[in-house]
């Protein structure tokens, strides 16, 4: 049985954009770059925002078949395939370090999937609204202190704030769901 996932939220790290760029280069090497666009998303993509030190990457592809086809190359680049992992129309991969800690989450969608706009709007909204980003960071830090080894409770604790921010972001971006 796997030990419970620890919840670690740390202050913003200046090297997170560089870590994204390095992973993007690895992914481009494994994929057909003419058909895939990579975006740095999640809290590590928002300057100043505290986050779990895991780089989230969103990939837009002409077809998810490209990821199915590249699964072996991605595995050789240390990405573990998790299939849809609870979100229909997604391919999800995790990259771990040698200690089994998560380094990267890769979320792949076909172009025009509504999840793409949602993720990008959330990121962009927090980038231009630092007060809201700081509020979110405080919620995450509190959740990590309250639930240091219970990822499910941590996620539940911050869910209300995430949903509020997501609604604000979608309204701000003019996206109607």
C-alpha atoms as a PDB file:
ATOM      1  CA  UNK A   1       0.000   0.000   0.000  1.00  0.00           C
ATOM      2  CA  UNK A   2       1.309   3.432  -0.975  1.00  0.00           C
ATOM      3  CA  UNK A   3       1.958   5.917   1.818  1.00  0.00           C
ATOM      4  CA  UNK A   4      -0.457   8.858   1.841  1.00  0.00           C
ATOM      5  CA  UNK A   5       0.477  11.751  -0.424  1.00  0.00           C
ATOM      6  CA  UNK A   6       1.939  14.516   1.650  1.00  0.00           C
ATOM      7  CA  UNK A   7       0.608  18.003   1.066  1.00  0.00           C
ATOM      8  CA  UNK A   8       3.394  20.513   0.722  1.00  0.00           C
ATOM      9  CA  UNK A   9       2.656  24.113  -0.291  1.00  0.00           C
ATOM     10  CA  UNK A  10       5.697  26.328  -0.646  1.00  0.00           C
ATOM     11  CA  UNK A  11       6.244  29.997  -1.495  1.00  0.00           C
ATOM     12  CA  UNK A  12       6.607  30.820  -5.184  1.00  0.00           C
ATOM     13  CA  UNK A  13       9.911  29.582  -6.604  1.00  0.00           C
ATOM     14  CA  UNK A  14      11.632  31.669  -9.280  1.00  0.00           C
ATOM     15  CA  UNK A  15      12.795  28.509 -11.107  1.00  0.00           C
ATOM     16  CA  UNK A  16       9.279  27.207 -11.836  1.00  0.00           C
ATOM     17  CA  UNK A  17       9.033  28.855 -15.294  1.00  0.00           C
ATOM     18  CA  UNK A  18      12.461  27.405 -16.156  1.00  0.00           C
ATOM     19  CA  UNK A  19      11.359  23.946 -14.984  1.00  0.00           C
ATOM     20  CA  UNK A  20       8.329  24.259 -17.294  1.00  0.00           C
ATOM     21  CA  UNK A  21      10.562  25.242 -20.229  1.00  0.00           C
ATOM     22  CA  UNK A  22      12.838  22.235 -19.628  1.00  0.00           C
ATOM     23  CA  UNK A  23       9.881  19.847 -19.468  1.00  0.00           C
ATOM     24  CA  UNK A  24       8.340  21.431 -22.565  1.00  0.00           C
ATOM     25  CA  UNK A  25      11.571  20.666 -24.478  1.00  0.00           C
ATOM     26  CA  UNK A  26      11.415  17.030 -23.332  1.00  0.00           C
ATOM     27  CA  UNK A  27       7.772  16.781 -24.403  1.00  0.00           C
ATOM     28  CA  UNK A  28       8.459  18.378 -27.786  1.00  0.00           C
ATOM     29  CA  UNK A  29      11.186  15.794 -28.322  1.00  0.00           C
ATOM     30  CA  UNK A  30       8.704  12.972 -27.583  1.00  0.00           C
ATOM     31  CA  UNK A  31       5.769  14.443 -29.516  1.00  0.00           C
ATOM     32  CA  UNK A  32       4.995  15.910 -32.920  1.00  0.00           C
ATOM     33  CA  UNK A  33       5.514  19.576 -32.019  1.00  0.00           C
ATOM     34  CA  UNK A  34       3.644  20.842 -35.105  1.00  0.00           C
ATOM     35  CA  UNK A  35       0.468  19.347 -33.683  1.00  0.00           C
ATOM     36  CA  UNK A  36       0.847  20.093 -29.958  1.00  0.00           C
ATOM     37  CA  UNK A  37       0.954  23.360 -28.008  1.00  0.00           C
ATOM     38  CA  UNK A  38       2.132  23.350 -24.390  1.00  0.00           C
ATOM     39  CA  UNK A  39       1.062  25.817 -21.680  1.00  0.00           C
ATOM     40  CA  UNK A  40       2.355  26.261 -18.138  1.00  0.00           C
ATOM     41  CA  UNK A  41      -0.784  26.226 -15.955  1.00  0.00           C
ATOM     42  CA  UNK A  42      -1.658  25.775 -12.308  1.00  0.00           C
ATOM     43  CA  UNK A  43      -0.315  27.678  -9.350  1.00  0.00           C
ATOM     44  CA  UNK A  44       3.340  27.325 -10.344  1.00  0.00           C
ATOM     45  CA  UNK A  45       2.523  29.425 -13.433  1.00  0.00           C
ATOM     46  CA  UNK A  46       1.369  32.426 -11.379  1.00  0.00           C
ATOM     47  CA  UNK A  47       4.242  34.630 -10.143  1.00  0.00           C
ATOM     48  CA  UNK A  48       4.116  35.110  -6.381  1.00  0.00           C
ATOM     49  CA  UNK A  49       1.555  32.359  -5.739  1.00  0.00           C
ATOM     50  CA  UNK A  50       2.326  29.663  -3.171  1.00  0.00           C
ATOM     51  CA  UNK A  51       1.913  26.192  -4.620  1.00  0.00           C
ATOM     52  CA  UNK A  52       2.618  22.526  -4.378  1.00  0.00           C
ATOM     53  CA  UNK A  53       5.997  22.315  -6.175  1.00  0.00           C
ATOM     54  CA  UNK A  54       4.564  20.320  -9.083  1.00  0.00           C
ATOM     55  CA  UNK A  55       4.670  21.813 -12.574  1.00  0.00           C
ATOM     56  CA  UNK A  56       1.296  21.547 -14.331  1.00  0.00           C
ATOM     57  CA  UNK A  57       1.428  21.455 -18.115  1.00  0.00           C
ATOM     58  CA  UNK A  58      -1.580  21.658 -20.398  1.00  0.00           C
ATOM     59  CA  UNK A  59      -1.157  20.282 -23.909  1.00  0.00           C
ATOM     60  CA  UNK A  60      -3.479  21.106 -26.795  1.00  0.00           C
ATOM     61  CA  UNK A  61      -3.340  18.554 -29.604  1.00  0.00           C
ATOM     62  CA  UNK A  62      -5.100  18.043 -32.905  1.00  0.00           C
ATOM     63  CA  UNK A  63      -5.963  14.568 -31.609  1.00  0.00           C
ATOM     64  CA  UNK A  64      -5.474  12.693 -28.348  1.00  0.00           C
ATOM     65  CA  UNK A  65      -4.272   9.832 -30.500  1.00  0.00           C
ATOM     66  CA  UNK A  66      -0.946  11.697 -30.672  1.00  0.00           C
ATOM     67  CA  UNK A  67      -0.536  11.100 -26.922  1.00  0.00           C
ATOM     68  CA  UNK A  68      -1.663   7.502 -27.148  1.00  0.00           C
ATOM     69  CA  UNK A  69       0.834   7.004 -29.969  1.00  0.00           C
ATOM     70  CA  UNK A  70       3.630   8.711 -28.002  1.00  0.00           C
ATOM     71  CA  UNK A  71       2.924   6.889 -24.713  1.00  0.00           C
ATOM     72  CA  UNK A  72       6.085   4.770 -24.961  1.00  0.00           C
ATOM     73  CA  UNK A  73       8.298   7.790 -25.745  1.00  0.00           C
ATOM     74  CA  UNK A  74       6.691   9.642 -22.843  1.00  0.00           C
ATOM     75  CA  UNK A  75       7.321   6.638 -20.586  1.00  0.00           C
ATOM     76  CA  UNK A  76      10.979   6.693 -21.598  1.00  0.00           C
ATOM     77  CA  UNK A  77      10.983  10.385 -20.559  1.00  0.00           C
ATOM     78  CA  UNK A  78       9.700   9.228 -17.133  1.00  0.00           C
ATOM     79  CA  UNK A  79       6.025  10.130 -17.678  1.00  0.00           C
ATOM     80  CA  UNK A  80       3.563   7.584 -16.305  1.00  0.00           C
ATOM     81  CA  UNK A  81       0.281   7.373 -18.214  1.00  0.00           C
ATOM     82  CA  UNK A  82      -2.899   7.513 -16.150  1.00  0.00           C
ATOM     83  CA  UNK A  83      -5.401   7.488 -19.037  1.00  0.00           C
ATOM     84  CA  UNK A  84      -8.281   9.926 -18.595  1.00  0.00           C
ATOM     85  CA  UNK A  85      -7.947   9.784 -14.798  1.00  0.00           C
ATOM     86  CA  UNK A  86     -11.524  10.879 -14.150  1.00  0.00           C
ATOM     87  CA  UNK A  87     -11.883  13.540 -16.859  1.00  0.00           C
ATOM     88  CA  UNK A  88     -13.344  12.282 -20.143  1.00  0.00           C
ATOM     89  CA  UNK A  89     -11.456  13.565 -23.174  1.00  0.00           C
ATOM     90  CA  UNK A  90      -8.169  14.005 -21.323  1.00  0.00           C
ATOM     91  CA  UNK A  91      -4.884  12.118 -21.272  1.00  0.00           C
ATOM     92  CA  UNK A  92      -3.097  12.512 -17.953  1.00  0.00           C
ATOM     93  CA  UNK A  93       0.551  11.765 -17.203  1.00  0.00           C
ATOM     94  CA  UNK A  94       2.634  12.128 -14.035  1.00  0.00           C
ATOM     95  CA  UNK A  95       6.391  12.459 -13.789  1.00  0.00           C
ATOM     96  CA  UNK A  96       8.042  11.474 -10.491  1.00  0.00           C
ATOM     97  CA  UNK A  97      11.501  12.094  -9.074  1.00  0.00           C
ATOM     98  CA  UNK A  98      13.720   9.262  -7.804  1.00  0.00           C
ATOM     99  CA  UNK A  99      12.049   9.481  -4.365  1.00  0.00           C
ATOM    100  CA  UNK A 100       8.564   9.014  -5.814  1.00  0.00           C
ATOM    101  CA  UNK A 101       7.623  12.691  -5.387  1.00  0.00           C
ATOM    102  CA  UNK A 102       5.547  14.245  -8.149  1.00  0.00           C
ATOM    103  CA  UNK A 103       7.445  16.649 -10.374  1.00  0.00           C
ATOM    104  CA  UNK A 104       5.032  17.236 -13.267  1.00  0.00           C
ATOM    105  CA  UNK A 105       1.372  16.736 -14.117  1.00  0.00           C
ATOM    106  CA  UNK A 106       0.657  16.702 -17.861  1.00  0.00           C
ATOM    107  CA  UNK A 107      -2.970  17.290 -18.891  1.00  0.00           C
ATOM    108  CA  UNK A 108      -3.575  16.702 -22.614  1.00  0.00           C
ATOM    109  CA  UNK A 109      -6.761  17.697 -24.421  1.00  0.00           C
ATOM    110  CA  UNK A 110      -7.894  17.984 -28.016  1.00  0.00           C
ATOM    111  CA  UNK A 111      -7.940  21.555 -29.273  1.00  0.00           C
ATOM    112  CA  UNK A 112     -11.162  23.425 -28.455  1.00  0.00           C
ATOM    113  CA  UNK A 113     -11.905  21.293 -25.396  1.00  0.00           C
ATOM    114  CA  UNK A 114     -13.615  23.607 -22.855  1.00  0.00           C
ATOM    115  CA  UNK A 115     -11.140  22.535 -20.151  1.00  0.00           C
ATOM    116  CA  UNK A 116      -8.386  24.361 -22.059  1.00  0.00           C
ATOM    117  CA  UNK A 117     -10.152  27.735 -21.883  1.00  0.00           C
ATOM    118  CA  UNK A 118     -11.043  27.137 -18.234  1.00  0.00           C
ATOM    119  CA  UNK A 119      -7.453  26.388 -17.207  1.00  0.00           C
ATOM    120  CA  UNK A 120      -5.988  29.285 -19.181  1.00  0.00           C
ATOM    121  CA  UNK A 121      -8.610  31.759 -17.919  1.00  0.00           C
ATOM    122  CA  UNK A 122      -7.942  30.708 -14.312  1.00  0.00           C
ATOM    123  CA  UNK A 123      -4.185  31.156 -14.761  1.00  0.00           C
ATOM    124  CA  UNK A 124      -4.478  34.476 -16.581  1.00  0.00           C
ATOM    125  CA  UNK A 125      -7.007  35.856 -14.102  1.00  0.00           C
ATOM    126  CA  UNK A 126      -4.716  35.113 -11.156  1.00  0.00           C
ATOM    127  CA  UNK A 127      -1.743  36.607 -12.988  1.00  0.00           C
ATOM    128  CA  UNK A 128      -3.495  39.980 -13.340  1.00  0.00           C
ATOM    129  CA  UNK A 129      -5.337  39.926  -9.990  1.00  0.00           C
ATOM    130  CA  UNK A 130      -2.576  39.562  -7.365  1.00  0.00           C
ATOM    131  CA  UNK A 131      -4.921  40.231  -4.423  1.00  0.00           C
ATOM    132  CA  UNK A 132      -7.116  37.283  -5.456  1.00  0.00           C
ATOM    133  CA  UNK A 133      -4.010  35.166  -6.086  1.00  0.00           C
ATOM    134  CA  UNK A 134      -2.698  36.007  -2.602  1.00  0.00           C
ATOM    135  CA  UNK A 135      -6.058  35.027  -1.092  1.00  0.00           C
ATOM    136  CA  UNK A 136      -5.882  31.701  -2.930  1.00  0.00           C
ATOM    137  CA  UNK A 137      -2.307  31.196  -1.732  1.00  0.00           C
ATOM    138  CA  UNK A 138      -3.382  31.783   1.876  1.00  0.00           C
ATOM    139  CA  UNK A 139      -6.181  29.221   1.539  1.00  0.00           C
ATOM    140  CA  UNK A 140      -3.739  26.681   0.108  1.00  0.00           C
ATOM    141  CA  UNK A 141      -1.156  27.309   2.833  1.00  0.00           C
ATOM    142  CA  UNK A 142      -3.807  26.917   5.542  1.00  0.00           C
ATOM    143  CA  UNK A 143      -5.128  23.742   3.914  1.00  0.00           C
ATOM    144  CA  UNK A 144      -1.630  22.265   3.775  1.00  0.00           C
ATOM    145  CA  UNK A 145      -1.068  23.022   7.476  1.00  0.00           C
ATOM    146  CA  UNK A 146      -4.447  21.507   8.427  1.00  0.00           C
ATOM    147  CA  UNK A 147      -4.097  18.403   6.224  1.00  0.00           C
ATOM    148  CA  UNK A 148      -0.358  17.694   5.773  1.00  0.00           C
ATOM    149  CA  UNK A 149      -0.874  14.057   4.799  1.00  0.00           C
ATOM    150  CA  UNK A 150      -4.459  14.035   3.496  1.00  0.00           C
ATOM    151  CA  UNK A 151      -4.602  15.269  -0.108  1.00  0.00           C
ATOM    152  CA  UNK A 152      -8.362  14.603  -0.372  1.00  0.00           C
ATOM    153  CA  UNK A 153      -9.149  16.812   2.626  1.00  0.00           C
ATOM    154  CA  UNK A 154      -6.756  19.476   1.332  1.00  0.00           C
ATOM    155  CA  UNK A 155      -8.546  19.521  -2.023  1.00  0.00           C
ATOM    156  CA  UNK A 156     -11.963  19.636  -0.315  1.00  0.00           C
ATOM    157  CA  UNK A 157     -10.784  22.470   1.947  1.00  0.00           C
ATOM    158  CA  UNK A 158      -9.822  24.715  -0.974  1.00  0.00           C
ATOM    159  CA  UNK A 159     -12.664  23.682  -3.309  1.00  0.00           C
ATOM    160  CA  UNK A 160     -15.028  26.568  -2.459  1.00  0.00           C
ATOM    161  CA  UNK A 161     -12.285  29.113  -3.130  1.00  0.00           C
ATOM    162  CA  UNK A 162     -11.272  27.406  -6.377  1.00  0.00           C
ATOM    163  CA  UNK A 163     -14.870  27.441  -7.615  1.00  0.00           C
ATOM    164  CA  UNK A 164     -15.293  31.123  -6.690  1.00  0.00           C
ATOM    165  CA  UNK A 165     -12.066  32.062  -8.455  1.00  0.00           C
ATOM    166  CA  UNK A 166     -12.922  29.946 -11.461  1.00  0.00           C
ATOM    167  CA  UNK A 167     -16.293  31.708 -11.819  1.00  0.00           C
ATOM    168  CA  UNK A 168     -14.581  35.099 -11.505  1.00  0.00           C
ATOM    169  CA  UNK A 169     -11.989  34.044 -14.088  1.00  0.00           C
ATOM    170  CA  UNK A 170     -14.565  32.802 -16.591  1.00  0.00           C
ATOM    171  CA  UNK A 171     -16.633  35.977 -16.176  1.00  0.00           C
ATOM    172  CA  UNK A 172     -13.483  38.100 -16.546  1.00  0.00           C
ATOM    173  CA  UNK A 173     -12.516  36.199 -19.721  1.00  0.00           C
ATOM    174  CA  UNK A 174     -16.063  36.388 -21.121  1.00  0.00           C
ATOM    175  CA  UNK A 175     -16.424  32.611 -21.177  1.00  0.00           C
ATOM    176  CA  UNK A 176     -19.931  31.259 -20.658  1.00  0.00           C
ATOM    177  CA  UNK A 177     -20.294  27.616 -19.722  1.00  0.00           C
END
